[in-house]
PDB file of N, CA and C in Angstrom:
ATOM      1  N   MET A   1       6.277  -3.557  10.801  1.00  0.00           N
ATOM      2  CA  MET A   1       5.454  -4.744  10.715  1.00  0.00           C
ATOM      3  C   MET A   1       6.221  -5.796   9.928  1.00  0.00           C
ATOM      4  N   LYS A   2       6.583  -6.861  10.605  1.00  0.00           N
ATOM      5  CA  LYS A   2       7.303  -7.939   9.943  1.00  0.00           C
ATOM      6  C   LYS A   2       6.398  -9.151   9.844  1.00  0.00           C
ATOM      7  N   LEU A   3       6.307  -9.682   8.646  1.00  0.00           N
ATOM      8  CA  LEU A   3       5.480 -10.854   8.404  1.00  0.00           C
ATOM      9  C   LEU A   3       6.365 -11.990   7.927  1.00  0.00           C
ATOM     10  N   ASP A   4       6.052 -13.202   8.329  1.00  0.00           N
ATOM     11  CA  ASP A   4       6.771 -14.365   7.846  1.00  0.00           C
ATOM     12  C   ASP A   4       5.968 -14.977   6.696  1.00  0.00           C
ATOM     13  N   ILE A   5       6.204 -14.423   5.507  1.00  0.00           N
ATOM     14  CA  ILE A   5       5.492 -14.901   4.326  1.00  0.00           C
ATOM     15  C   ILE A   5       6.492 -15.078   3.193  1.00  0.00           C
ATOM     16  N   SER A   6       6.071 -15.800   2.172  1.00  0.00           N
ATOM     17  CA  SER A   6       6.935 -16.041   1.024  1.00  0.00           C
ATOM     18  C   SER A   6       7.033 -14.775   0.173  1.00  0.00           C
ATOM     19  N   LYS A   7       8.051 -14.740  -0.673  1.00  0.00           N
ATOM     20  CA  LYS A   7       8.232 -13.602  -1.567  1.00  0.00           C
ATOM     21  C   LYS A   7       7.036 -13.445  -2.494  1.00  0.00           C
ATOM     22  N   SER A   8       6.492 -14.550  -2.981  1.00  0.00           N
ATOM     23  CA  SER A   8       5.350 -14.455  -3.898  1.00  0.00           C
ATOM     24  C   SER A   8       4.115 -13.886  -3.190  1.00  0.00           C
ATOM     25  N   GLU A   9       3.907 -14.277  -1.931  1.00  0.00           N
ATOM     26  CA  GLU A   9       2.789 -13.719  -1.158  1.00  0.00           C
ATOM     27  C   GLU A   9       3.028 -12.239  -0.885  1.00  0.00           C
ATOM     28  N   LEU A  10       4.253 -11.894  -0.586  1.00  0.00           N
ATOM     29  CA  LEU A  10       4.605 -10.495  -0.349  1.00  0.00           C
ATOM     30  C   LEU A  10       4.359  -9.675  -1.616  1.00  0.00           C
ATOM     31  N   ASP A  11       4.785 -10.186  -2.755  1.00  0.00           N
ATOM     32  CA  ASP A  11       4.561  -9.495  -4.024  1.00  0.00           C
ATOM     33  C   ASP A  11       3.072  -9.348  -4.328  1.00  0.00           C
ATOM     34  N   ALA A  12       2.287 -10.364  -3.990  1.00  0.00           N
ATOM     35  CA  ALA A  12       0.840 -10.290  -4.211  1.00  0.00           C
ATOM     36  C   ALA A  12       0.220  -9.198  -3.342  1.00  0.00           C
ATOM     37  N   ARG A  13       0.639  -9.118  -2.089  1.00  0.00           N
ATOM     38  CA  ARG A  13       0.117  -8.082  -1.194  1.00  0.00           C
ATOM     39  C   ARG A  13       0.522  -6.690  -1.665  1.00  0.00           C
ATOM     40  N   ILE A  14       1.750  -6.564  -2.162  1.00  0.00           N
ATOM     41  CA  ILE A  14       2.216  -5.284  -2.700  1.00  0.00           C
ATOM     42  C   ILE A  14       1.356  -4.882  -3.893  1.00  0.00           C
ATOM     43  N   ALA A  15       1.078  -5.817  -4.777  1.00  0.00           N
ATOM     44  CA  ALA A  15       0.252  -5.527  -5.953  1.00  0.00           C
ATOM     45  C   ALA A  15      -1.152  -5.090  -5.539  1.00  0.00           C
ATOM     46  N   ILE A  16      -1.715  -5.746  -4.553  1.00  0.00           N
ATOM     47  CA  ILE A  16      -3.054  -5.386  -4.066  1.00  0.00           C
ATOM     48  C   ILE A  16      -3.049  -3.974  -3.503  1.00  0.00           C
ATOM     49  N   LEU A  17      -2.051  -3.653  -2.687  1.00  0.00           N
ATOM     50  CA  LEU A  17      -1.985  -2.308  -2.113  1.00  0.00           C
ATOM     51  C   LEU A  17      -1.794  -1.248  -3.193  1.00  0.00           C
ATOM     52  N   ARG A  18      -0.973  -1.526  -4.182  1.00  0.00           N
ATOM     53  CA  ARG A  18      -0.792  -0.558  -5.282  1.00  0.00           C
ATOM     54  C   ARG A  18      -2.108  -0.331  -6.021  1.00  0.00           C
ATOM     55  N   ARG A  19      -2.852  -1.406  -6.261  1.00  0.00           N
ATOM     56  CA  ARG A  19      -4.140  -1.272  -6.935  1.00  0.00           C
ATOM     57  C   ARG A  19      -5.113  -0.483  -6.068  1.00  0.00           C
ATOM     58  N   ASP A  20      -5.128  -0.776  -4.760  1.00  0.00           N
ATOM     59  CA  ASP A  20      -6.009  -0.048  -3.845  1.00  0.00           C
ATOM     60  C   ASP A  20      -5.685   1.442  -3.833  1.00  0.00           C
ATOM     61  N   ILE A  21      -4.400   1.774  -3.787  1.00  0.00           N
ATOM     62  CA  ILE A  21      -3.996   3.184  -3.788  1.00  0.00           C
ATOM     63  C   ILE A  21      -4.438   3.860  -5.077  1.00  0.00           C
ATOM     64  N   SER A  22      -4.283   3.162  -6.183  1.00  0.00           N
ATOM     65  CA  SER A  22      -4.710   3.716  -7.471  1.00  0.00           C
ATOM     66  C   SER A  22      -6.214   3.980  -7.488  1.00  0.00           C
ATOM     67  N   GLU A  23      -6.985   3.020  -6.976  1.00  0.00           N
ATOM     68  CA  GLU A  23      -8.439   3.183  -6.930  1.00  0.00           C
ATOM     69  C   GLU A  23      -8.841   4.316  -5.989  1.00  0.00           C
ATOM     70  N   LEU A  24      -8.181   4.409  -4.840  1.00  0.00           N
ATOM     71  CA  LEU A  24      -8.478   5.488  -3.898  1.00  0.00           C
ATOM     72  C   LEU A  24      -8.135   6.849  -4.491  1.00  0.00           C
ATOM     73  N   THR A  25      -7.035   6.910  -5.230  1.00  0.00           N
ATOM     74  CA  THR A  25      -6.650   8.160  -5.876  1.00  0.00           C
ATOM     75  C   THR A  25      -7.697   8.571  -6.904  1.00  0.00           C
ATOM     76  N   ALA A  26      -8.197   7.613  -7.660  1.00  0.00           N
ATOM     77  CA  ALA A  26      -9.246   7.898  -8.636  1.00  0.00           C
ATOM     78  C   ALA A  26     -10.514   8.377  -7.938  1.00  0.00           C
ATOM     79  N   GLN A  27     -10.859   7.742  -6.820  1.00  0.00           N
ATOM     80  CA  GLN A  27     -12.031   8.175  -6.050  1.00  0.00           C
ATOM     81  C   GLN A  27     -11.838   9.592  -5.528  1.00  0.00           C
ATOM     82  N   ALA A  28     -10.630   9.895  -5.088  1.00  0.00           N
ATOM     83  CA  ALA A  28     -10.352  11.218  -4.529  1.00  0.00           C
ATOM     84  C   ALA A  28     -10.519  12.308  -5.583  1.00  0.00           C
ATOM     85  N   THR A  29     -10.182  11.995  -6.824  1.00  0.00           N
ATOM     86  CA  THR A  29     -10.322  13.011  -7.867  1.00  0.00           C
ATOM     87  C   THR A  29     -11.789  13.275  -8.191  1.00  0.00           C
ATOM     88  N   ARG A  30     -12.651  12.289  -7.908  1.00  0.00           N
ATOM     89  CA  ARG A  30     -14.085  12.456  -8.172  1.00  0.00           C
ATOM     90  C   ARG A  30     -14.855  12.935  -6.948  1.00  0.00           C
ATOM     91  N   ALA A  31     -14.217  12.915  -5.795  1.00  0.00           N
ATOM     92  CA  ALA A  31     -14.908  13.244  -4.540  1.00  0.00           C
ATOM     93  C   ALA A  31     -15.224  14.730  -4.474  1.00  0.00           C
ATOM     94  N   SER A  32     -16.343  15.001  -3.861  1.00  0.00           N
ATOM     95  CA  SER A  32     -16.679  16.390  -3.605  1.00  0.00           C
ATOM     96  C   SER A  32     -16.959  16.541  -2.123  1.00  0.00           C
ATOM     97  N   GLY A  33     -16.537  17.630  -1.591  1.00  0.00           N
ATOM     98  CA  GLY A  33     -16.734  17.878  -0.175  1.00  0.00           C
ATOM     99  C   GLY A  33     -15.474  17.597   0.614  1.00  0.00           C
ATOM    100  N   ALA A  34     -15.189  18.469   1.545  1.00  0.00           N
ATOM    101  CA  ALA A  34     -13.962  18.382   2.328  1.00  0.00           C
ATOM    102  C   ALA A  34     -13.903  17.099   3.152  1.00  0.00           C
ATOM    103  N   ALA A  35     -15.025  16.685   3.720  1.00  0.00           N
ATOM    104  CA  ALA A  35     -15.025  15.480   4.564  1.00  0.00           C
ATOM    105  C   ALA A  35     -14.666  14.244   3.750  1.00  0.00           C
ATOM    106  N   ALA A  36     -15.240  14.120   2.568  1.00  0.00           N
ATOM    107  CA  ALA A  36     -14.952  12.968   1.713  1.00  0.00           C
ATOM    108  C   ALA A  36     -13.493  12.977   1.280  1.00  0.00           C
ATOM    109  N   GLU A  37     -12.988  14.154   0.927  1.00  0.00           N
ATOM    110  CA  GLU A  37     -11.600  14.262   0.496  1.00  0.00           C
ATOM    111  C   GLU A  37     -10.645  13.917   1.641  1.00  0.00           C
ATOM    112  N   GLU A  38     -10.951  14.383   2.843  1.00  0.00           N
ATOM    113  CA  GLU A  38     -10.100  14.087   4.001  1.00  0.00           C
ATOM    114  C   GLU A  38     -10.108  12.599   4.323  1.00  0.00           C
ATOM    115  N   ARG A  39     -11.273  11.982   4.241  1.00  0.00           N
ATOM    116  CA  ARG A  39     -11.397  10.550   4.522  1.00  0.00           C
ATOM    117  C   ARG A  39     -10.587   9.742   3.506  1.00  0.00           C
ATOM    118  N   LEU A  40     -10.696  10.107   2.242  1.00  0.00           N
ATOM    119  CA  LEU A  40      -9.939   9.396   1.206  1.00  0.00           C
ATOM    120  C   LEU A  40      -8.438   9.639   1.354  1.00  0.00           C
ATOM    121  N   ALA A  41      -8.055  10.861   1.693  1.00  0.00           N
ATOM    122  CA  ALA A  41      -6.635  11.160   1.893  1.00  0.00           C
ATOM    123  C   ALA A  41      -6.069  10.329   3.043  1.00  0.00           C
ATOM    124  N   ALA A  42      -6.840  10.164   4.101  1.00  0.00           N
ATOM    125  CA  ALA A  42      -6.396   9.358   5.242  1.00  0.00           C
ATOM    126  C   ALA A  42      -6.243   7.893   4.839  1.00  0.00           C
ATOM    127  N   ARG A  43      -7.180   7.391   4.039  1.00  0.00           N
ATOM    128  CA  ARG A  43      -7.097   6.002   3.582  1.00  0.00           C
ATOM    129  C   ARG A  43      -5.900   5.794   2.665  1.00  0.00           C
ATOM    130  N   ILE A  44      -5.646   6.773   1.789  1.00  0.00           N
ATOM    131  CA  ILE A  44      -4.486   6.680   0.894  1.00  0.00           C
ATOM    132  C   ILE A  44      -3.204   6.669   1.717  1.00  0.00           C
ATOM    133  N   GLU A  45      -3.129   7.545   2.709  1.00  0.00           N
ATOM    134  CA  GLU A  45      -1.939   7.605   3.560  1.00  0.00           C
ATOM    135  C   GLU A  45      -1.724   6.284   4.301  1.00  0.00           C
ATOM    136  N   GLU A  46      -2.800   5.708   4.804  1.00  0.00           N
ATOM    137  CA  GLU A  46      -2.707   4.425   5.512  1.00  0.00           C
ATOM    138  C   GLU A  46      -2.222   3.315   4.582  1.00  0.00           C
ATOM    139  N   GLN A  47      -2.792   3.253   3.381  1.00  0.00           N
ATOM    140  CA  GLN A  47      -2.407   2.222   2.421  1.00  0.00           C
ATOM    141  C   GLN A  47      -0.953   2.419   1.977  1.00  0.00           C
ATOM    142  N   GLN A  48      -0.543   3.675   1.801  1.00  0.00           N
ATOM    143  CA  GLN A  48       0.829   3.958   1.397  1.00  0.00           C
ATOM    144  C   GLN A  48       1.808   3.525   2.484  1.00  0.00           C
ATOM    145  N   SER A  49       1.445   3.735   3.725  1.00  0.00           N
ATOM    146  CA  SER A  49       2.288   3.313   4.843  1.00  0.00           C
ATOM    147  C   SER A  49       2.435   1.792   4.857  1.00  0.00           C
ATOM    148  N   ARG A  50       1.333   1.086   4.645  1.00  0.00           N
ATOM    149  CA  ARG A  50       1.385  -0.380   4.589  1.00  0.00           C
ATOM    150  C   ARG A  50       2.251  -0.842   3.423  1.00  0.00           C
ATOM    151  N   LEU A  51       2.104  -0.169   2.274  1.00  0.00           N
ATOM    152  CA  LEU A  51       2.908  -0.510   1.100  1.00  0.00           C
ATOM    153  C   LEU A  51       4.390  -0.279   1.386  1.00  0.00           C
ATOM    154  N   ASP A  52       4.716   0.843   1.997  1.00  0.00           N
ATOM    155  CA  ASP A  52       6.111   1.128   2.328  1.00  0.00           C
ATOM    156  C   ASP A  52       6.694   0.044   3.226  1.00  0.00           C
ATOM    157  N   ASP A  53       5.916  -0.395   4.219  1.00  0.00           N
ATOM    158  CA  ASP A  53       6.372  -1.466   5.118  1.00  0.00           C
ATOM    159  C   ASP A  53       6.655  -2.757   4.350  1.00  0.00           C
ATOM    160  N   LEU A  54       5.756  -3.120   3.448  1.00  0.00           N
ATOM    161  CA  LEU A  54       5.944  -4.351   2.676  1.00  0.00           C
ATOM    162  C   LEU A  54       7.130  -4.245   1.728  1.00  0.00           C
ATOM    163  N   LEU A  55       7.317  -3.069   1.135  1.00  0.00           N
ATOM    164  CA  LEU A  55       8.460  -2.884   0.247  1.00  0.00           C
ATOM    165  C   LEU A  55       9.774  -2.996   1.013  1.00  0.00           C
ATOM    166  N   LYS A  56       9.809  -2.458   2.221  1.00  0.00           N
ATOM    167  CA  LYS A  56      11.007  -2.586   3.058  1.00  0.00           C
ATOM    168  C   LYS A  56      11.253  -4.046   3.404  1.00  0.00           C
ATOM    169  N   GLN A  57      10.181  -4.763   3.709  1.00  0.00           N
ATOM    170  CA  GLN A  57      10.327  -6.179   4.042  1.00  0.00           C
ATOM    171  C   GLN A  57      10.838  -6.961   2.838  1.00  0.00           C
ATOM    172  N   ARG A  58      10.313  -6.657   1.653  1.00  0.00           N
ATOM    173  CA  ARG A  58      10.765  -7.359   0.456  1.00  0.00           C
ATOM    174  C   ARG A  58      12.233  -7.043   0.177  1.00  0.00           C
ATOM    175  N   GLU A  59      12.618  -5.796   0.366  1.00  0.00           N
ATOM    176  CA  GLU A  59      14.019  -5.407   0.163  1.00  0.00           C
ATOM    177  C   GLU A  59      14.933  -6.178   1.117  1.00  0.00           C
ATOM    178  N   ALA A  60      14.528  -6.272   2.378  1.00  0.00           N
ATOM    179  CA  ALA A  60      15.317  -7.018   3.357  1.00  0.00           C
ATOM    180  C   ALA A  60      15.392  -8.494   2.982  1.00  0.00           C
ATOM    181  N   MET A  61      14.295  -9.038   2.480  1.00  0.00           N
ATOM    182  CA  MET A  61      14.272 -10.437   2.062  1.00  0.00           C
ATOM    183  C   MET A  61      15.222 -10.660   0.907  1.00  0.00           C
ATOM    184  N   GLU A  62      15.235  -9.728  -0.037  1.00  0.00           N
ATOM    185  CA  GLU A  62      16.112  -9.860  -1.197  1.00  0.00           C
ATOM    186  C   GLU A  62      17.577  -9.730  -0.815  1.00  0.00           C
ATOM    187  N   GLU A  63      17.869  -8.888   0.182  1.00  0.00           N
ATOM    188  CA  GLU A  63      19.243  -8.751   0.649  1.00  0.00           C
ATOM    189  C   GLU A  63      19.749 -10.036   1.295  1.00  0.00           C
ATOM    190  N   LYS A  64      18.849 -10.727   2.002  1.00  0.00           N
ATOM    191  CA  LYS A  64      19.234 -11.985   2.643  1.00  0.00           C
ATOM    192  C   LYS A  64      19.522 -13.089   1.632  1.00  0.00           C
ATOM    193  N   THR A  65      18.717 -13.111   0.552  1.00  0.00           N
ATOM    194  CA  THR A  65      18.853 -14.185  -0.434  1.00  0.00           C
ATOM    195  C   THR A  65      19.880 -13.842  -1.512  1.00  0.00           C
ATOM    196  N   GLY A  66      20.348 -12.636  -1.527  1.00  0.00           N
ATOM    197  CA  GLY A  66      21.407 -12.256  -2.457  1.00  0.00           C
ATOM    198  C   GLY A  66      20.878 -11.817  -3.725  1.00  0.00           C
TER     199      GLY A  66
END
């Protein structure tokens, strides 16, 4: 997923995803029941994938700008 956004916007999105992952992890530790745990694990995995994509994009952006 490639987005044409500024570095500051990219950093803001990265911060939001990190906060979301942290909150989901906290929810997962309090969750009871296999269904709830599986749902939270899937959401964490999805958010982590999005974060990884943004981090790769930021790395590529930094390589271009030196």
